[in-house]
Amino acid sequence: MQRLGFIHDMMDVKVLILFVTARTNYPISSQEIYELCYQDDCLSYFDVCTAIPEMVKSGHLTELPEEKYEITDKGREAGALTEDSIAFTVKQKAENAVARFNRQIRRQSFVKTQVIPRESGDFSVVMSLDDEMGNLMTLELVAPDQRQAVRLSRLFEKKAEDVYNLTMTELLDDEDFLEE
């Protein structure tokens, strides 16, 4: 019986991994490689976990600290030659997944939070929003307990741009203020 889908053997797995890693802008873990490559029901996590060390050994991927991987020049060349063999729908889904991943990682580099215990027993939450040029805003709030501090931290990570825009609007939207 014929297998449906794009993935039929280990070579198909490796071609898809090269395709995905060539498009990521950041080092990527094996779990993230699997998630971005899982655009075909025939792919298994074990296939990816088998392929990655083989691709490191062959010089197509390089292993970085913290078990992250990135494509090598050799891998880019091989990927460019073989990516036409990927089914169109799988290729489109993988490209979309990689674009979402790149946006998410880029945004995480601009939004930072830190929860710091204070001697008084409460917690300081330091939150910052950056852009390509540098820091846009740093905000420090005090929370009465760790649970609330962590919640503030997580919500800021989700809504950093909204907090910045609201703050700018509130501060700059004063019609009575006269410039001297």
Protein backbone atom coordinates (compact mmCIF):
# COMPACT_ATOMS: atom_id res chain seq x y z
CA MET A 1 0.00 0.00 0.00
CA GLN A 2 1.34 3.45 -0.93
CA ARG A 3 2.00 5.98 1.83
CA LEU A 4 0.19 9.27 1.43
CA GLY A 5 1.94 12.58 2.02
CA PHE A 6 5.34 13.98 1.17
CA ILE A 7 7.50 12.09 3.68
CA HIS A 8 8.36 8.62 2.39
CA ASP A 9 11.91 8.12 3.64
CA MET A 10 14.72 9.72 5.65
CA MET A 11 15.90 11.74 2.64
CA ASP A 12 12.52 13.51 2.50
CA VAL A 13 12.85 14.33 6.21
CA LYS A 14 16.31 15.81 5.67
CA VAL A 15 15.22 17.86 2.65
CA LEU A 16 12.35 19.34 4.67
CA ILE A 17 14.69 20.10 7.60
CA LEU A 18 17.09 21.90 5.23
CA PHE A 19 14.18 23.86 3.76
CA VAL A 20 12.97 24.98 7.20
CA THR A 21 16.36 25.75 8.75
CA ALA A 22 17.42 27.77 5.69
CA ARG A 23 14.51 30.11 6.37
CA THR A 24 14.80 30.55 10.12
CA ASN A 25 16.57 33.70 11.22
CA TYR A 26 17.55 32.30 14.61
CA PRO A 27 19.13 29.14 16.03
CA ILE A 28 16.47 26.50 16.54
CA SER A 29 15.98 23.48 18.83
CA SER A 30 15.14 19.99 17.62
CA GLN A 31 11.61 20.40 19.03
CA GLU A 32 11.17 23.64 17.07
CA ILE A 33 12.52 21.97 13.92
CA TYR A 34 9.94 19.23 14.37
CA GLU A 35 7.11 21.71 14.94
CA LEU A 36 8.03 23.71 11.85
CA CYS A 37 8.49 20.59 9.71
CA TYR A 38 5.30 18.89 10.87
CA GLN A 39 3.27 19.83 7.82
CA ASP A 40 2.77 16.25 6.74
CA ASP A 41 1.16 13.48 8.80
CA CYS A 42 3.86 11.05 7.71
CA LEU A 43 6.56 12.91 9.67
CA SER A 44 7.34 11.67 13.17
CA TYR A 45 9.32 13.27 15.96
CA PHE A 46 11.62 10.24 15.94
CA ASP A 47 12.42 10.81 12.26
CA VAL A 48 13.52 14.37 13.06
CA CYS A 49 15.52 13.22 16.09
CA THR A 50 17.28 10.65 13.92
CA ALA A 51 17.94 13.03 11.02
CA ILE A 52 19.40 15.96 12.99
CA PRO A 53 22.51 14.19 14.38
CA GLU A 54 23.14 12.66 10.95
CA MET A 55 22.92 16.14 9.38
CA VAL A 56 25.31 17.56 11.98
CA LYS A 57 27.74 14.73 11.25
CA SER A 58 27.47 15.31 7.49
CA GLY A 59 28.06 19.06 7.93
CA HIS A 60 24.62 20.24 6.79
CA LEU A 61 23.69 21.54 10.25
CA THR A 62 25.83 22.83 13.06
CA GLU A 63 25.05 22.28 16.73
CA LEU A 64 25.23 25.36 18.94
CA PRO A 65 25.16 25.70 22.72
CA GLU A 66 21.87 24.94 24.49
CA GLU A 67 21.05 22.20 21.93
CA LYS A 68 20.20 24.65 19.16
CA TYR A 69 20.96 24.13 15.49
CA GLU A 70 21.49 26.22 12.39
CA ILE A 71 22.09 25.41 8.77
CA THR A 72 25.62 25.54 7.33
CA ASP A 73 26.67 26.84 3.91
CA LYS A 74 26.88 23.23 2.76
CA GLY A 75 23.33 22.70 3.99
CA ARG A 76 22.08 25.82 2.20
CA GLU A 77 23.60 24.63 -1.07
CA ALA A 78 22.12 21.15 -0.72
CA GLY A 79 18.75 22.58 0.32
CA ALA A 80 18.62 24.92 -2.68
CA LEU A 81 19.24 21.96 -4.99
CA THR A 82 16.65 19.67 -3.40
CA GLU A 83 13.80 21.92 -2.23
CA ASP A 84 11.93 21.50 -5.54
CA SER A 85 11.17 17.94 -4.48
CA ILE A 86 9.00 19.16 -1.57
CA ALA A 87 5.27 19.03 -2.24
CA PHE A 88 3.85 22.51 -2.87
CA THR A 89 1.33 22.38 -0.01
CA VAL A 90 3.95 21.15 2.47
CA LYS A 91 6.35 23.87 1.31
CA GLN A 92 3.70 26.60 1.73
CA LYS A 93 2.68 25.40 5.20
CA ALA A 94 6.32 25.18 6.29
CA GLU A 95 7.09 28.69 4.96
CA ASN A 96 4.11 30.10 6.86
CA ALA A 97 5.15 28.31 10.07
CA VAL A 98 8.72 29.63 9.74
CA ALA A 99 7.47 33.18 9.15
CA ARG A 100 5.38 32.98 12.36
CA PHE A 101 8.37 31.55 14.24
CA ASN A 102 10.70 34.33 13.02
CA ARG A 103 8.19 37.03 14.02
CA GLN A 104 7.70 35.47 17.45
CA ILE A 105 11.43 35.17 18.21
CA ARG A 106 12.10 38.69 16.92
CA ARG A 107 9.37 40.10 19.15
CA GLN A 108 10.71 38.18 22.16
CA SER A 109 14.05 39.91 21.66
CA PHE A 110 12.34 43.29 22.00
CA VAL A 111 10.15 42.54 25.04
CA LYS A 112 11.92 41.67 28.29
CA THR A 113 10.68 41.18 31.84
CA GLN A 114 12.36 40.37 35.12
CA VAL A 115 10.83 39.55 38.52
CA ILE A 116 13.06 40.59 41.43
CA PRO A 117 12.30 39.72 45.08
CA ARG A 118 12.67 42.66 47.45
CA GLU A 119 13.73 42.65 51.10
CA SER A 120 10.28 43.79 52.19
CA GLY A 121 8.74 40.55 50.87
CA ASP A 122 7.11 42.02 47.79
CA PHE A 123 8.40 41.78 44.23
CA SER A 124 9.67 44.27 41.71
CA VAL A 125 8.72 43.63 38.07
CA VAL A 126 11.03 45.33 35.58
CA MET A 127 9.57 45.39 32.07
CA SER A 128 11.15 46.84 28.96
CA LEU A 129 10.26 47.32 25.33
CA ASP A 130 12.97 47.86 22.73
CA ASP A 131 13.09 48.32 18.98
CA GLU A 132 15.90 48.14 16.42
CA MET A 133 17.29 51.49 17.62
CA GLY A 134 17.30 50.76 21.36
CA ASN A 135 15.11 51.02 24.44
CA LEU A 136 11.68 52.59 24.02
CA MET A 137 10.40 52.14 27.55
CA THR A 138 11.41 50.62 30.87
CA LEU A 139 8.74 50.28 33.52
CA GLU A 140 9.13 49.02 37.07
CA LEU A 141 6.10 48.04 39.13
CA VAL A 142 5.87 46.55 42.62
CA ALA A 143 3.64 43.53 43.17
CA PRO A 144 2.59 42.32 46.64
CA ASP A 145 3.35 38.65 45.92
CA GLN A 146 5.20 36.46 43.45
CA ARG A 147 2.03 35.18 41.78
CA GLN A 148 0.93 38.69 40.87
CA ALA A 149 4.46 39.64 39.80
CA VAL A 150 4.64 36.68 37.42
CA ARG A 151 1.19 37.55 36.08
CA LEU A 152 2.26 41.15 35.44
CA SER A 153 5.36 39.88 33.69
CA ARG A 154 3.44 37.51 31.40
CA LEU A 155 0.75 40.06 30.58
CA PHE A 156 3.36 42.68 29.71
CA GLU A 157 5.00 40.16 27.37
CA LYS A 158 1.64 39.84 25.57
CA LYS A 159 0.69 43.51 25.62
CA ALA A 160 3.94 45.49 25.65
CA GLU A 161 3.10 47.50 22.55
CA ASP A 162 -0.37 48.35 23.90
CA VAL A 163 1.11 49.56 27.20
CA TYR A 164 3.64 51.70 25.33
CA ASN A 165 1.02 53.19 22.98
CA LEU A 166 -1.41 53.87 25.82
CA THR A 167 1.30 55.57 27.87
CA MET A 168 2.40 57.73 24.93
CA THR A 169 -1.20 58.66 24.12
CA GLU A 170 -2.03 59.55 27.72
CA LEU A 171 1.07 61.66 28.18
CA LEU A 172 0.96 63.43 24.84
CA ASP A 173 -2.79 63.92 24.53
CA ASP A 174 -3.10 66.96 26.78
CA GLU A 175 -4.71 69.81 24.89
CA ASP A 176 -4.22 72.24 27.77
CA PHE A 177 -0.46 71.86 27.76
CA LEU A 178 1.20 74.85 26.19
CA GLU A 179 4.71 74.63 24.89
CA GLU A 180 6.87 77.43 26.21
